[in-house]
Amino acid sequence: MAESAPDTLPNFTFLGDAQALALYPAFGMLGDTVNASMPIYSFREQVAFPRLADVGLYHFPHYNTPIRQNAPFVVTVHDLIHLLFPEYVPSRTKWLLGRRVLKHAVSRARAVFTVSEGTRSDLVEHLGVDPAKIHLTPNAVSRHFAPPGRGAIDALRRRLALNTDFFLAAGVDKPHKNFVFLVEAFGAWRKHSGAAIELVICGVKGGTGPLAKYIDAHQPEGVRILEFQSYNIMPDLLAAAKALVFPSLYEGFGLPILEAQRIGTPVLCSRASCMPWVAGEKGALFFDPKDPEELADCFDHILESEETARILTEAGHSNESRFTWTETARKTLEVYAQVYP
């Protein structure tokens, strides 16, 4: 961030893959771009990070800050998955290196941004970060993410051959997403209830993740796996679903919760980590992400009560409106002004 008067928008310089940055016109509108293409979490990222003489404050949007970074900086920490779940990390060496980089980032930063109350609490509890140093800048739903018309929903159903009724889950195939639990709990409930509804899980790319391995081994009935889908069709997919099921064990935020609420789709949500704070007290039906009977009760409530679905939709709309990118941007600029050297 180059120096500017306190009451004006700063001059920004954006570092990253030049081709990727060019896909987003806002970068060019707000400042200059500098090509800095290097693999994330790599040795090169640590030793070859560009040093720009006219930049007075860096903002790293992830905790992988160069340890040799001497210039003033702020950092955004989205979650502490790497630190709190070492069993998910490929090796102890990578876990130790990641922990060192994370601890360096939060100790040296002039301010730490985070996206939820859950991660704020984790930073204080597990890394001893001074609460006064942490600033809450939540995620929000894009203003372009809007409820589709009936024609778009019907066209999507035909194109993807979707069942009339289905529950939707979305996310990558990582252990903390808890998809194996979801499939097992759904299968037991579906067999017991006799319901014909399907479970669609979107975003799984196949291969070596825990869900992919489970699907290959068990071929569960009533479960449909959709690989990664364009963000542009997600409003249609959410609108077509009976409910979004969000079974995570841990999240830094959980944006699909708000996206479903924006569309008007009821949410069945884990009560772990930050999810209740994001979804709002009345914005979802909550369940223990390790208790299949609680999740089964949520399935029953949604299918048996149109009134429950209506109440969740209304409460979801109200809750989602709490989060705006305008407010997050305002708070971010406010903190820049406070810590700028």
Protein backbone atom coordinates (compact mmCIF):
# COMPACT_ATOMS: atom_id res chain seq x y z
CA MET A 1 0.00 0.00 0.00
CA ALA A 2 1.68 3.21 -1.12
CA GLU A 3 1.41 6.31 1.06
CA SER A 4 -1.72 8.41 0.69
CA ALA A 5 -3.73 10.97 2.60
CA PRO A 6 -5.76 9.41 5.44
CA ASP A 7 -9.09 10.47 3.96
CA THR A 8 -8.49 9.01 0.50
CA LEU A 9 -8.45 5.49 -0.88
CA PRO A 10 -4.91 4.10 -0.77
CA ASN A 11 -2.89 3.33 -3.86
CA PHE A 12 -2.67 -0.46 -4.11
CA THR A 13 -0.12 -2.73 -5.72
CA PHE A 14 -1.33 -6.31 -6.19
CA LEU A 15 1.21 -9.15 -6.26
CA GLY A 16 0.29 -12.49 -7.79
CA ASP A 17 0.04 -14.50 -10.96
CA ALA A 18 -0.41 -11.85 -13.64
CA GLN A 19 -2.71 -13.99 -15.78
CA ALA A 20 -4.95 -14.80 -12.81
CA LEU A 21 -5.10 -11.16 -11.69
CA ALA A 22 -6.04 -10.09 -15.21
CA LEU A 23 -9.27 -12.10 -14.95
CA TYR A 24 -10.57 -9.64 -12.33
CA PRO A 25 -10.90 -6.05 -13.64
CA ALA A 26 -11.15 -4.61 -10.11
CA PHE A 27 -7.43 -5.15 -9.56
CA GLY A 28 -6.56 -2.93 -12.49
CA MET A 29 -9.10 -0.33 -11.40
CA LEU A 30 -7.67 -0.07 -7.88
CA GLY A 31 -3.95 -0.09 -8.62
CA ASP A 32 -1.03 -1.71 -10.35
CA THR A 33 -0.23 -5.42 -10.57
CA VAL A 34 3.18 -7.07 -10.20
CA ASN A 35 3.74 -10.63 -11.38
CA ALA A 36 4.72 -12.83 -8.43
CA SER A 37 3.90 -16.34 -9.54
CA MET A 38 5.23 -18.93 -7.12
CA PRO A 39 3.74 -22.11 -5.61
CA ILE A 40 1.92 -21.65 -2.33
CA TYR A 41 3.73 -23.05 0.75
CA SER A 42 6.90 -23.41 -1.33
CA PHE A 43 10.55 -22.69 -0.53
CA ARG A 44 10.59 -20.23 -3.41
CA GLU A 45 7.68 -18.36 -1.87
CA GLN A 46 9.80 -17.84 1.24
CA VAL A 47 13.08 -16.77 -0.38
CA ALA A 48 12.02 -15.05 -3.61
CA PHE A 49 9.08 -12.92 -2.49
CA PRO A 50 9.36 -9.51 -4.23
CA ARG A 51 10.50 -6.56 -2.14
CA LEU A 52 8.93 -3.36 -3.46
CA ALA A 53 10.64 -0.15 -2.37
CA ASP A 54 7.58 2.10 -2.58
CA VAL A 55 5.22 -0.14 -0.58
CA GLY A 56 4.76 0.91 3.03
CA LEU A 57 2.38 -1.83 4.20
CA TYR A 58 1.79 -5.35 2.91
CA HIS A 59 -1.46 -7.25 3.38
CA PHE A 60 -1.09 -11.02 3.14
CA PRO A 61 -4.54 -12.62 2.62
CA HIS A 62 -3.27 -15.93 4.03
CA TYR A 63 -0.83 -16.80 6.81
CA ASN A 64 1.94 -18.03 4.49
CA THR A 65 3.96 -14.84 4.99
CA PRO A 66 7.67 -14.88 4.12
CA ILE A 67 9.60 -15.38 7.37
CA ARG A 68 12.28 -12.98 6.14
CA GLN A 69 9.69 -10.26 5.55
CA ASN A 70 10.95 -7.16 7.39
CA ALA A 71 8.51 -4.61 5.98
CA PRO A 72 5.38 -3.76 8.00
CA PHE A 73 2.47 -6.04 7.21
CA VAL A 74 -0.99 -7.20 8.22
CA VAL A 75 -2.30 -10.70 7.69
CA THR A 76 -5.64 -12.48 7.31
CA VAL A 77 -5.98 -15.85 9.07
CA HIS A 78 -9.05 -17.69 7.85
CA ASP A 79 -8.76 -20.78 10.03
CA LEU A 80 -6.37 -22.89 12.12
CA ILE A 81 -7.02 -26.22 10.43
CA HIS A 82 -3.32 -26.81 9.79
CA LEU A 83 -2.50 -26.28 13.46
CA LEU A 84 -5.48 -27.98 15.10
CA PHE A 85 -5.70 -31.05 12.87
CA PRO A 86 -2.14 -32.38 12.41
CA GLU A 87 -3.58 -35.70 11.29
CA TYR A 88 -4.76 -33.99 8.09
CA VAL A 89 -1.23 -32.79 7.19
CA PRO A 90 0.85 -35.09 4.93
CA SER A 91 3.87 -35.16 7.26
CA ARG A 92 5.02 -33.94 10.65
CA THR A 93 7.72 -31.88 8.96
CA LYS A 94 5.11 -29.97 6.96
CA TRP A 95 3.02 -29.51 10.09
CA LEU A 96 6.00 -28.09 12.01
CA LEU A 97 6.95 -25.76 9.16
CA GLY A 98 3.37 -24.59 8.79
CA ARG A 99 3.10 -23.94 12.52
CA ARG A 100 6.29 -21.88 12.45
CA VAL A 101 5.08 -19.77 9.53
CA LEU A 102 1.68 -19.26 11.18
CA LYS A 103 3.18 -18.23 14.52
CA HIS A 104 5.58 -15.85 12.75
CA ALA A 105 2.70 -14.29 10.82
CA VAL A 106 0.51 -13.50 13.83
CA SER A 107 3.38 -12.38 16.08
CA ARG A 108 5.03 -10.02 13.57
CA ALA A 109 1.89 -8.62 11.95
CA ARG A 110 0.78 -5.15 12.99
CA ALA A 111 -2.81 -6.40 12.82
CA VAL A 112 -4.48 -9.76 12.29
CA PHE A 113 -7.71 -9.95 10.31
CA THR A 114 -9.98 -12.95 10.63
CA VAL A 115 -13.33 -13.92 9.18
CA SER A 116 -15.30 -15.31 12.12
CA GLU A 117 -15.67 -15.24 15.87
CA GLY A 118 -14.63 -18.89 15.90
CA THR A 119 -11.22 -18.21 14.38
CA ARG A 120 -10.80 -15.13 16.56
CA SER A 121 -11.26 -17.33 19.65
CA ASP A 122 -8.87 -19.95 18.25
CA LEU A 123 -6.18 -17.32 17.67
CA VAL A 124 -6.42 -16.18 21.27
CA GLU A 125 -6.64 -19.66 22.79
CA HIS A 126 -4.08 -21.56 20.73
CA LEU A 127 -1.59 -18.87 19.69
CA GLY A 128 -1.95 -16.33 22.47
CA VAL A 129 -2.72 -13.44 20.11
CA ASP A 130 -3.74 -10.25 21.89
CA PRO A 131 -7.50 -9.83 21.26
CA ALA A 132 -6.94 -6.10 20.66
CA LYS A 133 -4.75 -7.00 17.69
CA ILE A 134 -7.46 -9.10 16.00
CA HIS A 135 -10.02 -7.46 13.70
CA LEU A 136 -13.14 -9.22 12.49
CA THR A 137 -13.70 -8.85 8.74
CA PRO A 138 -16.26 -11.51 7.79
CA ASN A 139 -16.91 -12.95 4.38
CA ALA A 140 -20.16 -12.16 2.58
CA VAL A 141 -22.16 -13.26 -0.45
CA SER A 142 -21.52 -11.55 -3.77
CA ARG A 143 -24.29 -9.17 -4.83
CA HIS A 144 -24.40 -11.10 -8.13
CA PHE A 145 -25.43 -14.28 -6.29
CA ALA A 146 -29.20 -14.06 -6.67
CA PRO A 147 -32.22 -16.39 -6.65
CA PRO A 148 -32.82 -17.79 -10.15
CA GLY A 149 -36.08 -18.06 -12.03
CA ARG A 150 -38.02 -21.31 -12.36
CA GLY A 151 -36.83 -21.74 -15.95
CA ALA A 152 -33.16 -21.76 -14.91
CA ILE A 153 -33.84 -24.32 -12.18
CA ASP A 154 -35.74 -26.62 -14.54
CA ALA A 155 -33.01 -26.34 -17.17
CA LEU A 156 -30.38 -27.29 -14.60
CA ARG A 157 -32.42 -30.30 -13.47
CA ARG A 158 -32.60 -31.54 -17.04
CA ARG A 159 -28.93 -30.89 -17.82
CA LEU A 160 -27.62 -32.65 -14.70
CA ALA A 161 -30.43 -35.24 -14.56
CA LEU A 162 -31.24 -34.28 -10.99
CA ASN A 163 -33.90 -35.99 -8.95
CA THR A 164 -37.01 -33.94 -8.14
CA ASP A 165 -36.10 -33.95 -4.44
CA PHE A 166 -32.56 -33.91 -3.13
CA PHE A 167 -30.45 -32.64 -0.27
CA LEU A 168 -27.32 -30.77 -1.33
CA ALA A 169 -23.86 -30.66 0.23
CA ALA A 170 -20.96 -28.74 -1.30
CA GLY A 171 -17.24 -28.62 -0.67
CA VAL A 172 -13.87 -30.20 -1.31
CA ASP A 173 -13.09 -33.79 -0.31
CA LYS A 174 -11.11 -33.14 2.86
CA PRO A 175 -11.54 -34.90 6.23
CA HIS A 176 -12.87 -31.88 8.15
CA LYS A 177 -15.76 -31.56 5.68
CA ASN A 178 -17.12 -34.74 7.30
CA PHE A 179 -18.74 -36.09 4.14
CA VAL A 180 -18.25 -39.76 5.00
CA PHE A 181 -20.30 -39.22 8.16
CA LEU A 182 -22.95 -37.46 6.08
CA VAL A 183 -23.21 -40.29 3.54
CA GLU A 184 -23.40 -42.96 6.26
CA ALA A 185 -25.98 -41.03 8.29
CA PHE A 186 -28.05 -40.26 5.18
CA GLY A 187 -27.96 -43.90 4.08
CA ALA A 188 -29.15 -45.20 7.46
CA TRP A 189 -31.91 -42.57 7.64
CA ARG A 190 -33.06 -43.19 4.05
CA LYS A 191 -33.27 -46.94 4.63
CA HIS A 192 -35.21 -46.49 7.86
CA SER A 193 -37.59 -43.80 6.59
CA GLY A 194 -38.18 -45.20 3.11
CA ALA A 195 -37.79 -41.70 1.63
CA ALA A 196 -36.96 -41.53 -2.08
CA ILE A 197 -34.98 -38.29 -1.76
CA GLU A 198 -31.34 -38.27 -2.92
CA LEU A 199 -28.17 -36.73 -1.51
CA VAL A 200 -26.12 -34.72 -4.01
CA ILE A 201 -22.57 -33.77 -3.05
CA CYS A 202 -21.02 -31.11 -5.26
CA GLY A 203 -17.33 -30.19 -5.56
CA VAL A 204 -15.69 -33.56 -5.09
CA LYS A 205 -13.10 -34.17 -7.80
CA GLY A 206 -12.66 -37.89 -7.23
CA GLY A 207 -9.34 -39.54 -6.48
CA THR A 208 -7.80 -40.05 -3.06
CA GLY A 209 -9.99 -38.06 -0.66
CA PRO A 210 -11.88 -39.84 2.14
CA LEU A 211 -15.26 -39.52 0.43
CA ALA A 212 -13.96 -40.72 -2.93
CA LYS A 213 -12.46 -43.79 -1.25
CA TYR A 214 -15.71 -44.46 0.63
CA ILE A 215 -17.84 -44.16 -2.50
CA ASP A 216 -15.55 -46.52 -4.43
CA ALA A 217 -15.65 -49.08 -1.64
CA HIS A 218 -19.35 -48.97 -0.72
CA GLN A 219 -21.30 -47.58 -3.71
CA PRO A 220 -24.03 -46.15 -1.41
CA GLU A 221 -27.54 -45.94 -2.80
CA GLY A 222 -29.24 -42.59 -3.23
CA VAL A 223 -25.97 -40.63 -3.29
CA ARG A 224 -24.98 -38.59 -6.35
CA ILE A 225 -21.49 -37.10 -6.69
CA LEU A 226 -21.08 -34.01 -8.83
CA GLU A 227 -17.57 -32.84 -9.56
CA PHE A 228 -16.67 -29.17 -9.36
CA GLN A 229 -19.41 -26.96 -10.83
CA SER A 230 -19.12 -23.40 -12.08
CA TYR A 231 -19.87 -20.77 -9.46
CA ASN A 232 -22.39 -19.31 -11.91
CA ILE A 233 -24.72 -22.30 -11.58
CA MET A 234 -24.56 -22.59 -7.79
CA PRO A 235 -27.61 -20.33 -7.24
CA ASP A 236 -29.61 -22.68 -9.51
CA LEU A 237 -28.31 -25.78 -7.73
CA LEU A 238 -29.09 -24.38 -4.29
CA ALA A 239 -32.55 -23.26 -5.36
CA ALA A 240 -33.32 -26.74 -6.69
CA ALA A 241 -32.33 -28.43 -3.43
CA LYS A 242 -34.69 -29.28 -0.59
CA ALA A 243 -32.02 -28.09 1.85
CA LEU A 244 -28.30 -27.49 2.12
CA VAL A 245 -26.58 -29.90 4.52
CA PHE A 246 -23.38 -28.55 6.04
CA PRO A 247 -21.80 -31.25 8.25
CA SER A 248 -18.29 -29.83 8.81
CA LEU A 249 -16.26 -30.52 11.92
CA TYR A 250 -14.43 -27.20 11.60
CA GLU A 251 -14.56 -24.13 9.37
CA GLY A 252 -13.00 -20.72 9.28
CA PHE A 253 -16.30 -19.37 8.01
CA GLY A 254 -18.54 -21.58 5.85
CA LEU A 255 -19.73 -19.34 3.02
CA PRO A 256 -22.17 -21.90 1.49
CA ILE A 257 -24.37 -21.37 4.57
CA LEU A 258 -24.92 -17.73 3.67
CA GLU A 259 -25.24 -18.52 -0.04
CA ALA A 260 -28.08 -20.92 0.70
CA GLN A 261 -29.74 -18.33 2.95
CA ARG A 262 -29.45 -15.71 0.19
CA ILE A 263 -31.16 -18.08 -2.26
CA GLY A 264 -33.87 -19.05 0.25
CA THR A 265 -32.84 -22.67 0.72
CA PRO A 266 -33.20 -24.09 4.27
CA VAL A 267 -29.92 -25.00 5.99
CA LEU A 268 -29.14 -28.08 8.09
CA CYS A 269 -25.92 -27.17 9.85
CA SER A 270 -23.26 -28.58 12.13
CA ARG A 271 -23.14 -26.81 15.47
CA ALA A 272 -19.34 -27.14 15.64
CA SER A 273 -16.75 -24.39 15.33
CA CYS A 274 -17.97 -21.07 13.88
CA MET A 275 -21.03 -22.44 12.07
CA PRO A 276 -23.73 -21.38 14.57
CA TRP A 277 -22.31 -17.84 14.58
CA VAL A 278 -22.37 -17.70 10.78
CA ALA A 279 -25.80 -19.32 10.32
CA GLY A 280 -27.46 -17.33 13.09
CA GLU A 281 -29.40 -18.68 16.07
CA LYS A 282 -32.60 -19.26 14.07
CA GLY A 283 -31.12 -19.48 10.57
CA ALA A 284 -30.60 -23.25 10.48
CA LEU A 285 -31.51 -26.57 12.03
CA PHE A 286 -28.39 -27.59 13.95
CA PHE A 287 -26.99 -31.04 14.64
CA ASP A 288 -23.98 -32.63 16.29
CA PRO A 289 -21.65 -33.51 13.37
CA LYS A 290 -20.86 -36.85 15.00
CA ASP A 291 -24.44 -37.85 15.86
CA PRO A 292 -26.36 -39.49 12.97
CA GLU A 293 -29.64 -39.51 14.93
CA GLU A 294 -29.59 -35.71 15.33
CA LEU A 295 -28.99 -35.31 11.61
CA ALA A 296 -31.80 -37.78 10.88
CA ASP A 297 -34.15 -35.63 12.98
CA CYS A 298 -33.22 -32.63 10.84
CA PHE A 299 -34.00 -34.56 7.65
CA ASP A 300 -37.39 -35.50 9.09
CA HIS A 301 -38.24 -31.94 10.16
CA ILE A 302 -37.53 -30.54 6.68
CA LEU A 303 -39.53 -33.18 4.84
CA GLU A 304 -42.47 -33.29 7.25
CA SER A 305 -43.03 -29.58 7.89
CA GLU A 306 -43.40 -26.92 5.22
CA GLU A 307 -43.76 -24.43 8.06
CA THR A 308 -40.29 -25.31 9.36
CA ALA A 309 -38.83 -24.76 5.90
CA ARG A 310 -40.63 -21.40 5.61
CA ILE A 311 -39.39 -20.20 9.00
CA LEU A 312 -35.82 -21.21 8.18
CA THR A 313 -35.99 -19.39 4.86
CA GLU A 314 -37.20 -16.17 6.47
CA ALA A 315 -34.69 -16.35 9.31
CA GLY A 316 -31.93 -17.17 6.82
CA HIS A 317 -32.64 -14.09 4.72
CA SER A 318 -32.50 -11.91 7.83
CA ASN A 319 -29.26 -13.48 9.04
CA GLU A 320 -27.45 -13.32 5.69
CA SER A 321 -28.06 -9.58 5.48
CA ARG A 322 -25.80 -9.11 8.54
CA PHE A 323 -22.77 -9.75 6.32
CA THR A 324 -21.75 -7.31 3.58
CA TRP A 325 -18.54 -6.82 1.64
CA THR A 326 -19.03 -3.06 1.98
CA GLU A 327 -18.73 -3.25 5.76
CA THR A 328 -15.77 -5.64 5.54
CA ALA A 329 -13.99 -3.27 3.14
CA ARG A 330 -14.72 -0.29 5.40
CA LYS A 331 -13.30 -2.08 8.43
CA THR A 332 -10.21 -3.20 6.48
CA LEU A 333 -9.41 0.35 5.36
CA GLU A 334 -9.98 1.58 8.91
CA VAL A 335 -7.36 -0.84 10.22
CA TYR A 336 -4.91 0.07 7.46
CA ALA A 337 -5.13 3.68 8.62
CA GLN A 338 -4.56 2.68 12.24
CA VAL A 339 -1.41 0.63 11.63
CA TYR A 340 0.11 2.37 8.61
CA PRO A 341 3.67 3.41 9.53
